[in-house]
């Protein structure tokens, strides 16, 4: 397709460039997203693809996996997924595992298990010092567990049946995520082996269905648990803000950039028995500022530093596909990952830049 060919639905739909828009407005397709037909740069990218003598299979696979399934929230591993995508282009090798949505490594899982132990001890009626003694000796995170546990017990005081129900539901959700989120060296078979967290499912886990992982994985259907169904029936009847709590518990993704801050805000709201913290999806006017109960500040990125890195990353990629010399802080790293410029790689990098410019990596508040 040359530059004089009409920019139309058929030309776009038959291009490989049309296959990488998951979680962007363009995923709706030409007919449902009017911006596609107006996107002159996307037209140029499709023309760029058409001028290639051959789009090799490895390049097609990178479009359909590495570029397509980049995490829109950035993921707690930021900038790993984006650098891995650049490396895949440079090495001309499609990935076997995209570290994107619904994936978490053992370190993230162990950190979440520490906080689950805190909540489990509270639910069991133990003292904060009992939980803290174990965590101080055996916990994965080396923080002031006595202060964390006493603060958490204070937030959840006075004890009530509603708080117990909400904490039990939250615990089940976090343990389900720990069990079902895969990583290269943990295909959902190392954590939670002694816990029933929903019926075994043959069609894989969330990461398998909402991303790209070459190996076979199993999963677990959380809502098939009779205990969960009973808990939710009680919460529907007793919790005025249950709709918000259910959404916030279920969407407390362990792979998000501020997974533990999200947990912190949720526990604070459980202590108030209502939504008391603002979230991106449910902003709350005059929301309370949630204190750092869990001492988890070190688990998420400095937003200003991440934003500066992101700007340099995109400008470096843009300069690279345009044939310019890379002079920014990331210039050497990007050049080393992409190696030599070829028409095929230039098209892939330009498509990558256009894809991520259709959204911005975002984090929980």
Protein backbone atom coordinates (compact mmCIF):
# COMPACT_ATOMS: atom_id res chain seq x y z
CA UNK A 1 0.00 0.00 0.00
CA UNK A 2 1.55 3.27 -1.07
CA UNK A 3 1.02 6.71 0.43
CA UNK A 4 -1.53 7.54 -2.28
CA UNK A 5 -3.75 4.57 -1.40
CA UNK A 6 -7.00 5.51 0.27
CA UNK A 7 -6.89 5.29 4.06
CA UNK A 8 -9.85 3.02 4.73
CA UNK A 9 -11.12 0.30 7.05
CA UNK A 10 -10.03 -2.53 4.78
CA UNK A 11 -6.48 -1.24 4.45
CA UNK A 12 -6.19 -0.85 8.20
CA UNK A 13 -7.86 -4.14 9.13
CA UNK A 14 -5.52 -6.17 6.91
CA UNK A 15 -2.41 -4.57 8.38
CA UNK A 16 -0.35 -6.09 11.18
CA UNK A 17 -0.26 -2.60 12.70
CA UNK A 18 -3.93 -3.02 13.62
CA UNK A 19 -3.23 -5.89 16.02
CA UNK A 20 -1.62 -4.22 19.03
CA UNK A 21 -4.25 -1.97 20.62
CA UNK A 22 -5.46 -3.95 23.63
CA UNK A 23 -6.53 -1.67 26.49
CA UNK A 24 -6.48 1.42 24.29
CA UNK A 25 -9.41 3.27 22.67
CA UNK A 26 -8.30 1.82 19.32
CA UNK A 27 -9.06 -1.72 20.47
CA UNK A 28 -12.69 -1.08 19.52
CA UNK A 29 -11.73 -1.10 15.85
CA UNK A 30 -12.21 1.23 12.89
CA UNK A 31 -16.02 1.38 12.95
CA UNK A 32 -16.35 1.95 16.70
CA UNK A 33 -13.41 4.33 17.14
CA UNK A 34 -13.67 7.38 14.89
CA UNK A 35 -10.18 8.57 15.83
CA UNK A 36 -8.55 5.76 13.85
CA UNK A 37 -9.69 7.15 10.50
CA UNK A 38 -8.40 10.60 11.53
CA UNK A 39 -5.03 9.38 12.77
CA UNK A 40 -2.55 10.55 10.14
CA UNK A 41 0.43 9.11 11.98
CA UNK A 42 -1.18 5.68 12.19
CA UNK A 43 -1.81 5.91 8.46
CA UNK A 44 1.90 6.64 7.95
CA UNK A 45 2.79 3.63 10.11
CA UNK A 46 0.55 1.37 8.05
CA UNK A 47 2.12 2.77 4.87
CA UNK A 48 5.54 2.19 6.43
CA UNK A 49 4.58 -1.44 7.04
CA UNK A 50 3.36 -1.83 3.46
CA UNK A 51 6.68 -0.62 2.03
CA UNK A 52 8.56 -3.43 3.77
CA UNK A 53 9.52 -6.23 1.46
CA UNK A 54 8.47 -8.77 4.08
CA UNK A 55 7.21 -8.64 7.65
CA UNK A 56 8.96 -11.61 9.18
CA UNK A 57 7.07 -13.84 11.56
CA UNK A 58 9.09 -12.76 14.61
CA UNK A 59 8.06 -9.14 13.96
CA UNK A 60 4.39 -10.04 13.66
CA UNK A 61 4.57 -11.96 16.93
CA UNK A 62 6.16 -9.00 18.72
CA UNK A 63 3.32 -6.75 17.55
CA UNK A 64 0.72 -9.25 18.75
CA UNK A 65 2.41 -9.97 22.10
CA UNK A 66 5.08 -7.56 23.39
CA UNK A 67 3.51 -4.37 22.06
CA UNK A 68 -0.11 -5.41 22.38
CA UNK A 69 0.01 -6.50 26.03
CA UNK A 70 2.05 -3.74 27.60
CA UNK A 71 0.45 -2.90 30.98
CA UNK A 72 -1.47 0.37 30.83
CA UNK A 73 -0.91 0.98 34.55
CA UNK A 74 2.85 0.56 34.12
CA UNK A 75 2.86 -2.40 36.57
CA UNK A 76 4.83 -2.52 39.80
CA UNK A 77 7.85 -3.69 37.78
CA UNK A 78 7.96 -0.46 35.74
CA UNK A 79 9.87 0.04 33.48
CA UNK A 80 10.63 -3.69 32.98
CA UNK A 81 7.77 -4.49 30.53
CA UNK A 82 8.69 -1.59 28.24
CA UNK A 83 12.41 -2.34 28.21
CA UNK A 84 11.68 -6.01 27.54
CA UNK A 85 9.60 -4.99 24.53
CA UNK A 86 12.48 -2.88 23.18
CA UNK A 87 14.90 -5.77 23.75
CA UNK A 88 12.57 -8.18 21.94
CA UNK A 89 12.65 -5.88 18.89
CA UNK A 90 16.41 -5.55 19.04
CA UNK A 91 16.97 -9.28 19.44
CA UNK A 92 14.33 -10.07 16.82
CA UNK A 93 12.88 -12.60 19.23
CA UNK A 94 9.24 -12.64 20.40
CA UNK A 95 8.70 -13.20 24.12
CA UNK A 96 7.55 -16.38 25.78
CA UNK A 97 6.24 -14.43 28.79
CA UNK A 98 4.98 -10.84 28.80
CA UNK A 99 5.47 -9.42 32.28
CA UNK A 100 2.33 -7.36 32.20
CA UNK A 101 -1.11 -7.45 33.74
CA UNK A 102 -1.94 -10.10 36.37
CA UNK A 103 1.67 -11.26 36.80
CA UNK A 104 3.71 -11.04 40.01
CA UNK A 105 7.05 -12.45 41.09
CA UNK A 106 7.78 -14.25 44.35
CA UNK A 107 9.06 -11.10 46.08
CA UNK A 108 5.76 -9.29 45.50
CA UNK A 109 3.83 -12.34 46.70
CA UNK A 110 5.91 -12.73 49.86
CA UNK A 111 5.46 -9.07 50.68
CA UNK A 112 1.70 -9.42 50.31
CA UNK A 113 1.76 -12.57 52.47
CA UNK A 114 3.28 -10.54 55.31
CA UNK A 115 0.36 -8.14 55.24
CA UNK A 116 -2.08 -11.03 54.94
CA UNK A 117 -0.61 -12.49 58.14
CA UNK A 118 -1.34 -9.17 59.90
CA UNK A 119 -4.96 -9.28 58.78
CA UNK A 120 -5.30 -12.98 59.59
CA UNK A 121 -4.02 -12.39 63.13
CA UNK A 122 -6.49 -9.54 63.62
CA UNK A 123 -9.32 -11.72 62.31
CA UNK A 124 -8.32 -14.52 64.69
CA UNK A 125 -8.47 -12.17 67.65
CA UNK A 126 -4.74 -12.22 68.36
CA UNK A 127 -2.86 -9.27 69.80
CA UNK A 128 -0.88 -6.97 67.51
CA UNK A 129 2.34 -7.86 69.32
CA UNK A 130 1.80 -11.57 68.65
CA UNK A 131 1.68 -10.98 64.89
CA UNK A 132 4.53 -8.49 65.05
CA UNK A 133 6.82 -10.90 66.89
CA UNK A 134 6.52 -13.47 64.11
CA UNK A 135 6.88 -10.93 61.33
CA UNK A 136 9.88 -9.28 62.96
CA UNK A 137 11.60 -12.67 63.08
CA UNK A 138 10.40 -14.28 59.88
CA UNK A 139 8.78 -11.58 57.74
CA UNK A 140 9.96 -10.93 54.22
CA UNK A 141 9.86 -7.16 54.66
CA UNK A 142 12.23 -5.65 57.22
CA UNK A 143 10.11 -2.86 58.67
CA UNK A 144 8.85 -1.91 62.13
CA UNK A 145 6.21 -4.59 62.38
CA UNK A 146 5.23 -3.67 65.93
CA UNK A 147 4.29 -0.19 64.76
CA UNK A 148 2.52 -1.55 61.66
CA UNK A 149 0.46 -4.08 63.62
CA UNK A 150 -0.49 -1.69 66.41
CA UNK A 151 -1.53 0.90 63.84
CA UNK A 152 -3.60 -1.62 61.91
CA UNK A 153 -5.34 -2.87 65.07
CA UNK A 154 -6.08 0.73 66.00
CA UNK A 155 -7.58 1.48 62.58
CA UNK A 156 -9.84 -1.59 62.80
CA UNK A 157 -11.00 -0.77 66.32
CA UNK A 158 -13.64 -1.14 67.60
CA UNK A 159 -14.16 -4.63 66.30
CA UNK A 160 -17.45 -5.35 64.54
CA UNK A 161 -19.05 -8.16 62.58
CA UNK A 162 -19.04 -6.03 59.43
CA UNK A 163 -15.29 -5.42 59.70
CA UNK A 164 -14.68 -9.13 60.21
CA UNK A 165 -16.69 -9.96 57.09
CA UNK A 166 -14.85 -7.35 55.02
CA UNK A 167 -11.42 -8.43 56.24
CA UNK A 168 -12.20 -12.08 55.53
CA UNK A 169 -13.36 -11.18 52.02
CA UNK A 170 -10.24 -9.05 51.47
CA UNK A 171 -7.96 -11.84 52.71
CA UNK A 172 -9.51 -14.37 50.36
CA UNK A 173 -9.09 -11.99 47.42
CA UNK A 174 -5.42 -11.27 48.15
CA UNK A 175 -4.60 -14.94 48.70
CA UNK A 176 -6.38 -15.81 45.47
CA UNK A 177 -4.20 -13.28 43.66
CA UNK A 178 -1.05 -14.64 45.30
CA UNK A 179 -1.98 -18.15 44.17
CA UNK A 180 -3.14 -17.32 40.67
CA UNK A 181 -0.67 -14.67 39.43
CA UNK A 182 2.16 -16.36 37.48
CA UNK A 183 5.81 -15.55 36.80
CA UNK A 184 8.49 -17.26 34.73
CA UNK A 185 9.61 -19.47 37.60
CA UNK A 186 6.17 -19.86 39.17
CA UNK A 187 3.38 -20.99 36.83
CA UNK A 188 0.76 -20.75 39.59
CA UNK A 189 1.96 -23.85 41.44
CA UNK A 190 4.10 -22.62 44.35
CA UNK A 191 1.85 -20.45 46.51
CA UNK A 192 -1.40 -21.38 48.27
CA UNK A 193 -1.12 -25.08 47.58
CA UNK A 194 -2.87 -25.84 50.88
CA UNK A 195 -5.69 -23.33 50.35
CA UNK A 196 -8.93 -23.80 48.47
CA UNK A 197 -9.46 -20.44 46.79
CA UNK A 198 -11.93 -21.45 44.09
CA UNK A 199 -12.43 -24.32 41.69
CA UNK A 200 -9.56 -25.36 39.46
CA UNK A 201 -10.05 -24.14 35.91
CA UNK A 202 -8.52 -25.62 32.77
CA UNK A 203 -8.62 -22.41 30.73
CA UNK A 204 -5.82 -20.80 32.71
CA UNK A 205 -5.40 -17.78 34.94
CA UNK A 206 -6.14 -14.11 34.32
CA UNK A 207 -2.64 -13.48 33.00
CA UNK A 208 -3.11 -16.21 30.42
CA UNK A 209 -6.42 -14.82 29.22
CA UNK A 210 -5.51 -11.12 29.42
CA UNK A 211 -1.91 -11.20 28.22
CA UNK A 212 0.62 -13.38 26.52
CA UNK A 213 2.32 -16.39 28.11
CA UNK A 214 3.45 -19.23 25.87
CA UNK A 215 3.40 -22.01 28.47
CA UNK A 216 0.24 -23.65 29.72
CA UNK A 217 -1.05 -22.35 33.05
CA UNK A 218 -3.88 -23.29 35.33
CA UNK A 219 -6.16 -21.00 37.24
CA UNK A 220 -8.79 -20.88 39.95
CA UNK A 221 -12.32 -19.53 39.84
CA UNK A 222 -12.62 -17.49 43.03
CA UNK A 223 -16.36 -16.90 42.81
CA UNK A 224 -17.02 -20.65 42.74
CA UNK A 225 -16.16 -20.83 46.47
CA UNK A 226 -19.31 -21.44 48.54
CA UNK A 227 -17.71 -19.52 51.41
CA UNK A 228 -17.20 -16.45 49.20
CA UNK A 229 -20.80 -16.61 48.01
CA UNK A 230 -22.01 -16.79 51.62
CA UNK A 231 -19.76 -13.89 52.66
CA UNK A 232 -21.04 -11.74 49.84
CA UNK A 233 -24.66 -12.53 50.66
CA UNK A 234 -24.06 -11.29 54.20
CA UNK A 235 -22.25 -8.20 52.98
CA UNK A 236 -25.00 -7.30 50.54
CA UNK A 237 -27.40 -7.31 53.48
CA UNK A 238 -25.22 -5.53 56.02
CA UNK A 239 -22.82 -3.16 54.23
CA UNK A 240 -24.23 0.08 52.84
CA UNK A 241 -21.07 0.64 50.77
CA UNK A 242 -20.71 -2.98 49.67
CA UNK A 243 -20.79 -2.11 45.95
CA UNK A 244 -17.71 0.08 46.40
CA UNK A 245 -15.96 -2.40 48.69
CA UNK A 246 -16.56 -5.30 46.32
CA UNK A 247 -15.16 -3.39 43.36
CA UNK A 248 -12.16 -2.10 45.32
CA UNK A 249 -11.35 -5.51 46.79
CA UNK A 250 -11.60 -7.31 43.46
CA UNK A 251 -9.62 -4.64 41.60
CA UNK A 252 -6.86 -4.45 44.19
CA UNK A 253 -4.50 -5.95 41.65
CA UNK A 254 -1.24 -7.13 43.11
CA UNK A 255 0.54 -6.17 39.87
CA UNK A 256 -0.39 -2.48 40.10
CA UNK A 257 2.33 0.12 40.77
CA UNK A 258 0.83 0.97 44.17
CA UNK A 259 -0.60 -2.38 45.17
CA UNK A 260 0.23 -1.96 48.85
CA UNK A 261 -0.92 1.65 48.98
CA UNK A 262 -4.22 0.43 47.53
CA UNK A 263 -4.39 -2.15 50.32
CA UNK A 264 -3.63 0.56 52.87
CA UNK A 265 -6.50 2.75 51.64
CA UNK A 266 -8.85 -0.21 51.63
CA UNK A 267 -8.02 -1.19 55.22
CA UNK A 268 -8.54 2.42 56.28
CA UNK A 269 -12.00 2.39 54.72
CA UNK A 270 -12.86 -0.95 56.35
CA UNK A 271 -11.99 0.66 59.66
CA UNK A 272 -14.54 3.39 58.90
CA UNK A 273 -17.05 0.82 57.49
CA UNK A 274 -17.53 3.02 54.41
CA UNK A 275 -15.58 4.44 51.51
CA UNK A 276 -13.22 6.84 53.23
CA UNK A 277 -10.44 7.06 50.65
CA UNK A 278 -10.49 8.32 47.09
CA UNK A 279 -9.57 6.00 44.25
CA UNK A 280 -9.02 6.61 40.56
CA UNK A 281 -12.21 4.82 39.56
CA UNK A 282 -14.26 6.18 42.46
CA UNK A 283 -13.03 9.66 43.43
CA UNK A 284 -14.35 10.90 46.73
CA UNK A 285 -14.85 14.59 47.41
CA UNK A 286 -13.18 15.74 50.61
CA UNK A 287 -11.66 12.30 51.14
CA UNK A 288 -9.50 11.74 54.18
CA UNK A 289 -5.74 11.52 53.71
CA UNK A 290 -4.83 7.94 54.54
CA UNK A 291 -1.69 7.74 56.69
CA UNK A 292 1.16 5.35 55.91
CA UNK A 293 -0.13 2.48 58.03
CA UNK A 294 1.78 -0.30 56.28
CA UNK A 295 5.14 1.43 55.80
CA UNK A 296 4.94 0.51 52.12
CA UNK A 297 6.31 3.72 50.59
CA UNK A 298 9.42 1.89 49.38
CA UNK A 299 7.29 -0.48 47.28
CA UNK A 300 6.20 2.12 44.73
CA UNK A 301 8.03 4.46 42.42
CA UNK A 302 8.73 8.12 42.85
CA UNK A 303 6.15 9.60 40.47
CA UNK A 304 8.31 12.53 39.37
CA UNK A 305 11.30 10.29 38.63
CA UNK A 306 9.12 7.80 36.77
CA UNK A 307 7.55 10.57 34.69
CA UNK A 308 10.97 11.96 33.78
CA UNK A 309 12.17 8.49 32.78
CA UNK A 310 9.05 7.98 30.67
CA UNK A 311 9.54 11.22 28.76
CA UNK A 312 13.16 10.35 28.00
CA UNK A 313 12.19 6.82 27.01
CA UNK A 314 9.64 7.99 24.45
CA UNK A 315 11.88 10.73 23.06
CA UNK A 316 14.75 8.25 22.71
CA UNK A 317 12.58 5.77 20.82
CA UNK A 318 11.23 8.53 18.56
CA UNK A 319 14.76 9.69 17.78
CA UNK A 320 15.87 6.13 17.09
CA UNK A 321 13.21 5.29 14.50
CA UNK A 322 13.74 8.69 12.84
CA UNK A 323 17.44 7.91 12.40
CA UNK A 324 18.66 10.59 14.79
CA UNK A 325 21.50 10.32 17.27
CA UNK A 326 20.34 9.49 20.79
CA UNK A 327 21.79 11.92 23.30
CA UNK A 328 19.53 11.67 26.37
CA UNK A 329 20.17 9.72 29.58
CA UNK A 330 18.68 6.58 28.06
CA UNK A 331 20.35 6.94 24.68
CA UNK A 332 23.08 4.38 25.25
CA UNK A 333 20.74 1.82 26.77
CA UNK A 334 18.13 2.11 24.00
CA UNK A 335 20.77 1.98 21.28
CA UNK A 336 22.34 -1.09 22.87
CA UNK A 337 19.02 -2.90 23.08
CA UNK A 338 17.91 -2.14 19.52
CA UNK A 339 21.34 -2.69 17.92
CA UNK A 340 21.36 -1.84 14.21
CA UNK A 341 18.60 0.15 12.52
CA UNK A 342 16.63 -1.73 9.90
CA UNK A 343 13.40 -0.74 8.13
CA UNK A 344 11.57 -3.53 9.94
CA UNK A 345 12.79 -2.45 13.37
CA UNK A 346 12.08 1.21 12.63
CA UNK A 347 8.47 0.35 11.84
CA UNK A 348 8.15 -1.70 15.04
CA UNK A 349 9.61 1.04 17.22
CA UNK A 350 7.40 3.68 15.65
CA UNK A 351 4.35 1.46 16.19
CA UNK A 352 5.41 0.93 19.81
CA UNK A 353 5.67 4.68 20.40
CA UNK A 354 2.30 5.32 18.78
CA UNK A 355 0.72 2.56 20.85
CA UNK A 356 1.89 3.85 24.23
CA UNK A 357 1.10 7.44 23.26
CA UNK A 358 -2.55 6.38 23.02
CA UNK A 359 -2.51 6.02 26.80
CA UNK A 360 -0.22 6.96 29.69
CA UNK A 361 0.98 4.47 32.32
CA UNK A 362 -1.01 5.28 35.42
CA UNK A 363 -0.89 4.32 39.06
CA UNK A 364 -3.34 4.06 41.92
CA UNK A 365 -3.55 7.15 44.16
